[in-house]
Full PDB file with SEQRES, HELIX, SHEET, SSBOND, CRYST1, ORIGX, SCALE, CONECT and MASTER records, all heavy atoms in Angstrom:
SEQRES   1 A   31  SER LEU VAL ALA LEU TYR PHE LEU LEU ALA VAL GLU ARG          
SEQRES   2 A   31  PHE VAL LEU GLN GLY ARG SER PHE VAL ALA VAL GLY ASP          
SEQRES   3 A   31  GLY ARG VAL VAL GLY                                          
HELIX    1 AA1 LEU A    2  LEU A   16  1                                  15    
CRYST1    1.000    1.000    1.000  90.00  90.00  90.00 P 1           1          
ORIGX1      1.000000  0.000000  0.000000        0.00000                         
ORIGX2      0.000000  1.000000  0.000000        0.00000                         
ORIGX3      0.000000  0.000000  1.000000        0.00000                         
SCALE1      1.000000  0.000000  0.000000        0.00000                         
SCALE2      0.000000  1.000000  0.000000        0.00000                         
SCALE3      0.000000  0.000000  1.000000        0.00000                         
ATOM      1  N   SER A   1      -7.016  11.501  31.114  1.00  0.00           N  
ATOM      2  CA  SER A   1      -6.113  12.291  31.940  1.00  0.00           C  
ATOM      3  C   SER A   1      -5.728  11.518  33.199  1.00  0.00           C  
ATOM      4  O   SER A   1      -4.560  11.508  33.602  1.00  0.00           O  
ATOM      5  CB  SER A   1      -6.766  13.627  32.301  1.00  0.00           C  
ATOM      6  OG  SER A   1      -5.860  14.435  33.005  1.00  0.00           O  
ATOM      7  N   LEU A   2      -6.691  10.845  33.820  1.00  0.00           N  
ATOM      8  CA  LEU A   2      -6.404  10.025  35.006  1.00  0.00           C  
ATOM      9  C   LEU A   2      -5.480   8.859  34.653  1.00  0.00           C  
ATOM     10  O   LEU A   2      -4.551   8.540  35.403  1.00  0.00           O  
ATOM     11  CB  LEU A   2      -7.701   9.496  35.627  1.00  0.00           C  
ATOM     12  CG  LEU A   2      -8.602  10.522  36.299  1.00  0.00           C  
ATOM     13  CD1 LEU A   2      -9.920   9.875  36.716  1.00  0.00           C  
ATOM     14  CD2 LEU A   2      -7.911  11.149  37.498  1.00  0.00           C  
ATOM     15  N   VAL A   3      -5.719   8.239  33.509  1.00  0.00           N  
ATOM     16  CA  VAL A   3      -4.864   7.129  33.075  1.00  0.00           C  
ATOM     17  C   VAL A   3      -3.442   7.632  32.817  1.00  0.00           C  
ATOM     18  O   VAL A   3      -2.465   6.981  33.196  1.00  0.00           O  
ATOM     19  CB  VAL A   3      -5.454   6.427  31.832  1.00  0.00           C  
ATOM     20  CG1 VAL A   3      -4.495   5.375  31.295  1.00  0.00           C  
ATOM     21  CG2 VAL A   3      -6.812   5.799  32.164  1.00  0.00           C  
ATOM     22  N   ALA A   4      -3.299   8.814  32.216  1.00  0.00           N  
ATOM     23  CA  ALA A   4      -1.968   9.390  31.991  1.00  0.00           C  
ATOM     24  C   ALA A   4      -1.269   9.669  33.322  1.00  0.00           C  
ATOM     25  O   ALA A   4      -0.061   9.436  33.460  1.00  0.00           O  
ATOM     26  CB  ALA A   4      -2.068  10.663  31.155  1.00  0.00           C  
ATOM     27  N   LEU A   5      -2.023  10.140  34.308  1.00  0.00           N  
ATOM     28  CA  LEU A   5      -1.439  10.334  35.649  1.00  0.00           C  
ATOM     29  C   LEU A   5      -0.972   9.003  36.243  1.00  0.00           C  
ATOM     30  O   LEU A   5       0.052   8.933  36.908  1.00  0.00           O  
ATOM     31  CB  LEU A   5      -2.453  10.983  36.593  1.00  0.00           C  
ATOM     32  CG  LEU A   5      -2.561  12.492  36.535  1.00  0.00           C  
ATOM     33  CD1 LEU A   5      -3.764  12.981  37.336  1.00  0.00           C  
ATOM     34  CD2 LEU A   5      -1.277  13.141  37.038  1.00  0.00           C  
ATOM     35  N   TYR A   6      -1.734   7.958  35.990  1.00  0.00           N  
ATOM     36  CA  TYR A   6      -1.395   6.614  36.453  1.00  0.00           C  
ATOM     37  C   TYR A   6      -0.016   6.205  35.919  1.00  0.00           C  
ATOM     38  O   TYR A   6       0.753   5.542  36.607  1.00  0.00           O  
ATOM     39  CB  TYR A   6      -2.505   5.672  35.968  1.00  0.00           C  
ATOM     40  CG  TYR A   6      -2.348   4.214  36.261  1.00  0.00           C  
ATOM     41  CD1 TYR A   6      -2.568   3.709  37.538  1.00  0.00           C  
ATOM     42  CD2 TYR A   6      -2.032   3.311  35.246  1.00  0.00           C  
ATOM     43  CE1 TYR A   6      -2.469   2.356  37.801  1.00  0.00           C  
ATOM     44  CE2 TYR A   6      -1.939   1.953  35.501  1.00  0.00           C  
ATOM     45  CZ  TYR A   6      -2.162   1.486  36.777  1.00  0.00           C  
ATOM     46  OH  TYR A   6      -2.062   0.143  37.029  1.00  0.00           O  
ATOM     47  N   PHE A   7       0.299   6.610  34.688  1.00  0.00           N  
ATOM     48  CA  PHE A   7       1.580   6.263  34.067  1.00  0.00           C  
ATOM     49  C   PHE A   7       2.686   7.290  34.339  1.00  0.00           C  
ATOM     50  O   PHE A   7       3.837   7.073  33.958  1.00  0.00           O  
ATOM     51  CB  PHE A   7       1.416   6.099  32.553  1.00  0.00           C  
ATOM     52  CG  PHE A   7       0.628   4.885  32.165  1.00  0.00           C  
ATOM     53  CD1 PHE A   7      -0.544   5.012  31.443  1.00  0.00           C  
ATOM     54  CD2 PHE A   7       1.052   3.619  32.519  1.00  0.00           C  
ATOM     55  CE1 PHE A   7      -1.279   3.894  31.085  1.00  0.00           C  
ATOM     56  CE2 PHE A   7       0.323   2.494  32.171  1.00  0.00           C  
ATOM     57  CZ  PHE A   7      -0.851   2.631  31.446  1.00  0.00           C  
ATOM     58  N   LEU A   8       2.350   8.390  34.983  1.00  0.00           N  
ATOM     59  CA  LEU A   8       3.288   9.498  35.176  1.00  0.00           C  
ATOM     60  C   LEU A   8       4.640   9.061  35.720  1.00  0.00           C  
ATOM     61  O   LEU A   8       5.683   9.280  35.104  1.00  0.00           O  
ATOM     62  CB  LEU A   8       2.667  10.553  36.100  1.00  0.00           C  
ATOM     63  CG  LEU A   8       3.576  11.721  36.489  1.00  0.00           C  
ATOM     64  CD1 LEU A   8       3.676  12.696  35.330  1.00  0.00           C  
ATOM     65  CD2 LEU A   8       3.041  12.426  37.709  1.00  0.00           C  
ATOM     66  N   LEU A   9       4.644   8.454  36.894  1.00  0.00           N  
ATOM     67  CA  LEU A   9       5.913   8.119  37.540  1.00  0.00           C  
ATOM     68  C   LEU A   9       6.616   6.954  36.853  1.00  0.00           C  
ATOM     69  O   LEU A   9       7.847   6.912  36.806  1.00  0.00           O  
ATOM     70  CB  LEU A   9       5.688   7.828  39.018  1.00  0.00           C  
ATOM     71  CG  LEU A   9       5.163   9.021  39.826  1.00  0.00           C  
ATOM     72  CD1 LEU A   9       4.943   8.642  41.271  1.00  0.00           C  
ATOM     73  CD2 LEU A   9       6.106  10.210  39.720  1.00  0.00           C  
ATOM     74  N   ALA A  10       5.844   6.006  36.309  1.00  0.00           N  
ATOM     75  CA  ALA A  10       6.470   4.888  35.603  1.00  0.00           C  
ATOM     76  C   ALA A  10       7.227   5.381  34.374  1.00  0.00           C  
ATOM     77  O   ALA A  10       8.370   4.968  34.132  1.00  0.00           O  
ATOM     78  CB  ALA A  10       5.415   3.859  35.202  1.00  0.00           C  
ATOM     79  N   VAL A  11       6.605   6.264  33.613  1.00  0.00           N  
ATOM     80  CA  VAL A  11       7.285   6.792  32.420  1.00  0.00           C  
ATOM     81  C   VAL A  11       8.555   7.522  32.831  1.00  0.00           C  
ATOM     82  O   VAL A  11       9.628   7.298  32.257  1.00  0.00           O  
ATOM     83  CB  VAL A  11       6.337   7.708  31.603  1.00  0.00           C  
ATOM     84  CG1 VAL A  11       7.109   8.473  30.529  1.00  0.00           C  
ATOM     85  CG2 VAL A  11       5.216   6.887  30.982  1.00  0.00           C  
ATOM     86  N   GLU A  12       8.452   8.380  33.833  1.00  0.00           N  
ATOM     87  CA  GLU A  12       9.638   9.116  34.279  1.00  0.00           C  
ATOM     88  C   GLU A  12      10.736   8.157  34.731  1.00  0.00           C  
ATOM     89  O   GLU A  12      11.896   8.285  34.346  1.00  0.00           O  
ATOM     90  CB  GLU A  12       9.253  10.050  35.427  1.00  0.00           C  
ATOM     91  CG  GLU A  12      10.425  10.871  35.937  1.00  0.00           C  
ATOM     92  CD  GLU A  12      10.003  11.814  37.045  1.00  0.00           C  
ATOM     93  OE1 GLU A  12       9.345  12.815  36.734  1.00  0.00           O  
ATOM     94  OE2 GLU A  12      10.335  11.520  38.217  1.00  0.00           O  
ATOM     95  N   ARG A  13      10.354   7.178  35.537  1.00  0.00           N  
ATOM     96  CA  ARG A  13      11.333   6.235  36.079  1.00  0.00           C  
ATOM     97  C   ARG A  13      12.024   5.448  34.968  1.00  0.00           C  
ATOM     98  O   ARG A  13      13.249   5.317  34.946  1.00  0.00           O  
ATOM     99  CB  ARG A  13      10.637   5.290  37.053  1.00  0.00           C  
ATOM    100  CG  ARG A  13      11.547   4.264  37.670  1.00  0.00           C  
ATOM    101  CD  ARG A  13      10.791   3.395  38.643  1.00  0.00           C  
ATOM    102  NE  ARG A  13      11.706   2.489  39.318  1.00  0.00           N  
ATOM    103  CZ  ARG A  13      11.362   1.290  39.724  1.00  0.00           C  
ATOM    104  NH1 ARG A  13      10.133   0.848  39.562  1.00  0.00           N  
ATOM    105  NH2 ARG A  13      12.244   0.519  40.331  1.00  0.00           N  
ATOM    106  N   PHE A  14      11.246   4.900  34.037  1.00  0.00           N  
ATOM    107  CA  PHE A  14      11.838   4.026  33.035  1.00  0.00           C  
ATOM    108  C   PHE A  14      12.562   4.782  31.933  1.00  0.00           C  
ATOM    109  O   PHE A  14      13.536   4.283  31.392  1.00  0.00           O  
ATOM    110  CB  PHE A  14      10.786   3.068  32.470  1.00  0.00           C  
ATOM    111  CG  PHE A  14      10.313   2.088  33.503  1.00  0.00           C  
ATOM    112  CD1 PHE A  14       9.008   2.114  33.947  1.00  0.00           C  
ATOM    113  CD2 PHE A  14      11.178   1.174  34.064  1.00  0.00           C  
ATOM    114  CE1 PHE A  14       8.567   1.231  34.914  1.00  0.00           C  
ATOM    115  CE2 PHE A  14      10.752   0.290  35.046  1.00  0.00           C  
ATOM    116  CZ  PHE A  14       9.440   0.309  35.476  1.00  0.00           C  
ATOM    117  N   VAL A  15      12.132   5.970  31.605  1.00  0.00           N  
ATOM    118  CA  VAL A  15      12.858   6.749  30.602  1.00  0.00           C  
ATOM    119  C   VAL A  15      14.193   7.231  31.184  1.00  0.00           C  
ATOM    120  O   VAL A  15      15.215   7.192  30.510  1.00  0.00           O  
ATOM    121  CB  VAL A  15      12.015   7.929  30.074  1.00  0.00           C  
ATOM    122  CG1 VAL A  15      12.858   8.877  29.223  1.00  0.00           C  
ATOM    123  CG2 VAL A  15      10.831   7.404  29.263  1.00  0.00           C  
ATOM    124  N   LEU A  16      14.182   7.660  32.454  1.00  0.00           N  
ATOM    125  CA  LEU A  16      15.403   8.208  33.056  1.00  0.00           C  
ATOM    126  C   LEU A  16      16.343   7.148  33.625  1.00  0.00           C  
ATOM    127  O   LEU A  16      17.558   7.337  33.617  1.00  0.00           O  
ATOM    128  CB  LEU A  16      15.036   9.211  34.153  1.00  0.00           C  
ATOM    129  CG  LEU A  16      14.285  10.456  33.692  1.00  0.00           C  
ATOM    130  CD1 LEU A  16      13.947  11.348  34.881  1.00  0.00           C  
ATOM    131  CD2 LEU A  16      15.085  11.226  32.648  1.00  0.00           C  
ATOM    132  N   GLN A  17      15.781   6.032  34.138  1.00  0.00           N  
ATOM    133  CA  GLN A  17      16.638   5.053  34.818  1.00  0.00           C  
ATOM    134  C   GLN A  17      16.644   3.676  34.168  1.00  0.00           C  
ATOM    135  O   GLN A  17      17.545   2.885  34.430  1.00  0.00           O  
ATOM    136  CB  GLN A  17      16.185   4.880  36.268  1.00  0.00           C  
ATOM    137  CG  GLN A  17      16.215   6.149  37.068  1.00  0.00           C  
ATOM    138  CD  GLN A  17      15.487   5.980  38.389  1.00  0.00           C  
ATOM    139  OE1 GLN A  17      14.642   5.105  38.539  1.00  0.00           O  
ATOM    140  NE2 GLN A  17      15.818   6.803  39.353  1.00  0.00           N  
ATOM    141  N   GLY A  18      15.636   3.382  33.386  1.00  0.00           N  
ATOM    142  CA  GLY A  18      15.547   2.070  32.766  1.00  0.00           C  
ATOM    143  C   GLY A  18      15.976   2.144  31.323  1.00  0.00           C  
ATOM    144  O   GLY A  18      16.876   2.895  30.958  1.00  0.00           O  
ATOM    145  N   ARG A  19      15.330   1.366  30.526  1.00  0.00           N  
ATOM    146  CA  ARG A  19      15.551   1.396  29.078  1.00  0.00           C  
ATOM    147  C   ARG A  19      14.188   1.566  28.439  1.00  0.00           C  
ATOM    148  O   ARG A  19      13.272   0.791  28.708  1.00  0.00           O  
ATOM    149  CB  ARG A  19      16.188   0.093  28.599  1.00  0.00           C  
ATOM    150  CG  ARG A  19      17.568  -0.203  29.146  1.00  0.00           C  
ATOM    151  CD  ARG A  19      18.659   0.699  28.578  1.00  0.00           C  
ATOM    152  NE  ARG A  19      18.769   0.727  27.140  1.00  0.00           N  
ATOM    153  CZ  ARG A  19      19.497  -0.094  26.406  1.00  0.00           C  
ATOM    154  NH1 ARG A  19      20.194  -1.047  26.963  1.00  0.00           N  
ATOM    155  NH2 ARG A  19      19.519   0.022  25.086  1.00  0.00           N  
ATOM    156  N   SER A  20      14.032   2.557  27.611  1.00  0.00           N  
ATOM    157  CA  SER A  20      12.754   2.842  26.972  1.00  0.00           C  
ATOM    158  C   SER A  20      12.974   3.101  25.487  1.00  0.00           C  
ATOM    159  O   SER A  20      13.964   3.723  25.102  1.00  0.00           O  
ATOM    160  CB  SER A  20      12.092   4.057  27.619  1.00  0.00           C  
ATOM    161  OG  SER A  20      11.851   3.806  28.974  1.00  0.00           O  
ATOM    162  N   PHE A  21      12.029   2.613  24.704  1.00  0.00           N  
ATOM    163  CA  PHE A  21      12.133   2.718  23.256  1.00  0.00           C  
ATOM    164  C   PHE A  21      10.807   3.227  22.698  1.00  0.00           C  
ATOM    165  O   PHE A  21       9.753   3.008  23.288  1.00  0.00           O  
ATOM    166  CB  PHE A  21      12.475   1.358  22.648  1.00  0.00           C  
ATOM    167  CG  PHE A  21      13.745   0.780  23.198  1.00  0.00           C  
ATOM    168  CD1 PHE A  21      13.712  -0.095  24.285  1.00  0.00           C  
ATOM    169  CD2 PHE A  21      14.973   1.110  22.661  1.00  0.00           C  
ATOM    170  CE1 PHE A  21      14.883  -0.625  24.812  1.00  0.00           C  
ATOM    171  CE2 PHE A  21      16.150   0.586  23.183  1.00  0.00           C  
ATOM    172  CZ  PHE A  21      16.105  -0.289  24.266  1.00  0.00           C  
ATOM    173  N   VAL A  22      10.881   3.892  21.553  1.00  0.00           N  
ATOM    174  CA  VAL A  22       9.679   4.429  20.919  1.00  0.00           C  
ATOM    175  C   VAL A  22       9.644   4.054  19.447  1.00  0.00           C  
ATOM    176  O   VAL A  22      10.672   3.800  18.820  1.00  0.00           O  
ATOM    177  CB  VAL A  22       9.585   5.967  21.068  1.00  0.00           C  
ATOM    178  CG1 VAL A  22       9.361   6.362  22.523  1.00  0.00           C  
ATOM    179  CG2 VAL A  22      10.809   6.665  20.504  1.00  0.00           C  
ATOM    180  N   ALA A  23       8.412   4.034  18.936  1.00  0.00           N  
ATOM    181  CA  ALA A  23       8.172   3.934  17.498  1.00  0.00           C  
ATOM    182  C   ALA A  23       7.722   5.317  17.055  1.00  0.00           C  
ATOM    183  O   ALA A  23       6.834   5.913  17.673  1.00  0.00           O  
ATOM    184  CB  ALA A  23       7.081   2.903  17.222  1.00  0.00           C  
ATOM    185  N   VAL A  24       8.357   5.848  16.019  1.00  0.00           N  
ATOM    186  CA  VAL A  24       8.058   7.197  15.537  1.00  0.00           C  
ATOM    187  C   VAL A  24       7.620   7.107  14.083  1.00  0.00           C  
ATOM    188  O   VAL A  24       8.328   6.565  13.241  1.00  0.00           O  
ATOM    189  CB  VAL A  24       9.291   8.120  15.663  1.00  0.00           C  
ATOM    190  CG1 VAL A  24       8.984   9.512  15.145  1.00  0.00           C  
ATOM    191  CG2 VAL A  24       9.780   8.172  17.107  1.00  0.00           C  
ATOM    192  N   GLY A  25       6.422   7.637  13.817  1.00  0.00           N  
ATOM    193  CA  GLY A  25       5.892   7.671  12.460  1.00  0.00           C  
ATOM    194  C   GLY A  25       5.409   9.068  12.133  1.00  0.00           C  
ATOM    195  O   GLY A  25       4.774   9.709  12.970  1.00  0.00           O  
ATOM    196  N   ASP A  26       5.723   9.552  10.967  1.00  0.00           N  
ATOM    197  CA  ASP A  26       5.338  10.900  10.555  1.00  0.00           C  
ATOM    198  C   ASP A  26       5.788  11.951  11.572  1.00  0.00           C  
ATOM    199  O   ASP A  26       5.065  12.895  11.874  1.00  0.00           O  
ATOM    200  CB  ASP A  26       3.830  10.998  10.322  1.00  0.00           C  
ATOM    201  CG  ASP A  26       3.362  10.114   9.183  1.00  0.00           C  
ATOM    202  OD1 ASP A  26       4.130   9.970   8.205  1.00  0.00           O  
ATOM    203  OD2 ASP A  26       2.245   9.567   9.274  1.00  0.00           O  
ATOM    204  N   GLY A  27       6.965  11.738  12.152  1.00  0.00           N  
ATOM    205  CA  GLY A  27       7.540  12.713  13.075  1.00  0.00           C  
ATOM    206  C   GLY A  27       6.952  12.732  14.473  1.00  0.00           C  
ATOM    207  O   GLY A  27       7.246  13.628  15.251  1.00  0.00           O  
ATOM    208  N   ARG A  28       6.111  11.735  14.826  1.00  0.00           N  
ATOM    209  CA  ARG A  28       5.547  11.729  16.180  1.00  0.00           C  
ATOM    210  C   ARG A  28       5.594  10.324  16.774  1.00  0.00           C  
ATOM    211  O   ARG A  28       5.564   9.320  16.054  1.00  0.00           O  
ATOM    212  CB  ARG A  28       4.128  12.268  16.187  1.00  0.00           C  
ATOM    213  CG  ARG A  28       3.115  11.419  15.482  1.00  0.00           C  
ATOM    214  CD  ARG A  28       1.745  12.093  15.407  1.00  0.00           C  
ATOM    215  NE  ARG A  28       0.772  11.162  14.883  1.00  0.00           N  
ATOM    216  CZ  ARG A  28      -0.202  10.604  15.580  1.00  0.00           C  
ATOM    217  NH1 ARG A  28      -0.338  10.880  16.856  1.00  0.00           N  
ATOM    218  NH2 ARG A  28      -1.048   9.762  15.034  1.00  0.00           N  
ATOM    219  N   VAL A  29       5.678  10.264  18.094  1.00  0.00           N  
ATOM    220  CA  VAL A  29       5.714   8.992  18.807  1.00  0.00           C  
ATOM    221  C   VAL A  29       4.343   8.334  18.698  1.00  0.00           C  
ATOM    222  O   VAL A  29       3.327   8.939  19.038  1.00  0.00           O  
ATOM    223  CB  VAL A  29       6.104   9.196  20.291  1.00  0.00           C  
ATOM    224  CG1 VAL A  29       6.002   7.894  21.070  1.00  0.00           C  
ATOM    225  CG2 VAL A  29       7.512   9.774  20.406  1.00  0.00           C  
ATOM    226  N   VAL A  30       4.334   7.084  18.219  1.00  0.00           N  
ATOM    227  CA  VAL A  30       3.068   6.346  18.080  1.00  0.00           C  
ATOM    228  C   VAL A  30       3.054   5.071  18.918  1.00  0.00           C  
ATOM    229  O   VAL A  30       2.023   4.407  19.028  1.00  0.00           O  
ATOM    230  CB  VAL A  30       2.759   6.015  16.602  1.00  0.00           C  
ATOM    231  CG1 VAL A  30       2.632   7.303  15.784  1.00  0.00           C  
ATOM    232  CG2 VAL A  30       3.792   5.084  16.006  1.00  0.00           C  
ATOM    233  N   GLY A  31       4.196   4.735  19.528  1.00  0.00           N  
ATOM    234  CA  GLY A  31       4.280   3.552  20.371  1.00  0.00           C  
ATOM    235  C   GLY A  31       5.445   3.679  21.328  1.00  0.00           C  
ATOM    236  O   GLY A  31       6.397   4.425  21.065  1.00  0.00           O  
TER     237      GLY A  31                                                      
MASTER        0    0    0    1    0    0    0    6  236    1    0    3          
END                                                                             
């Protein structure tokens, strides 16, 4: 949970303002 908080703002920033990509397997994000 602490590690996820560590990534909180980075994920928001890069998904909304940067370029972000995902790998999806069996209908869920795995990367």
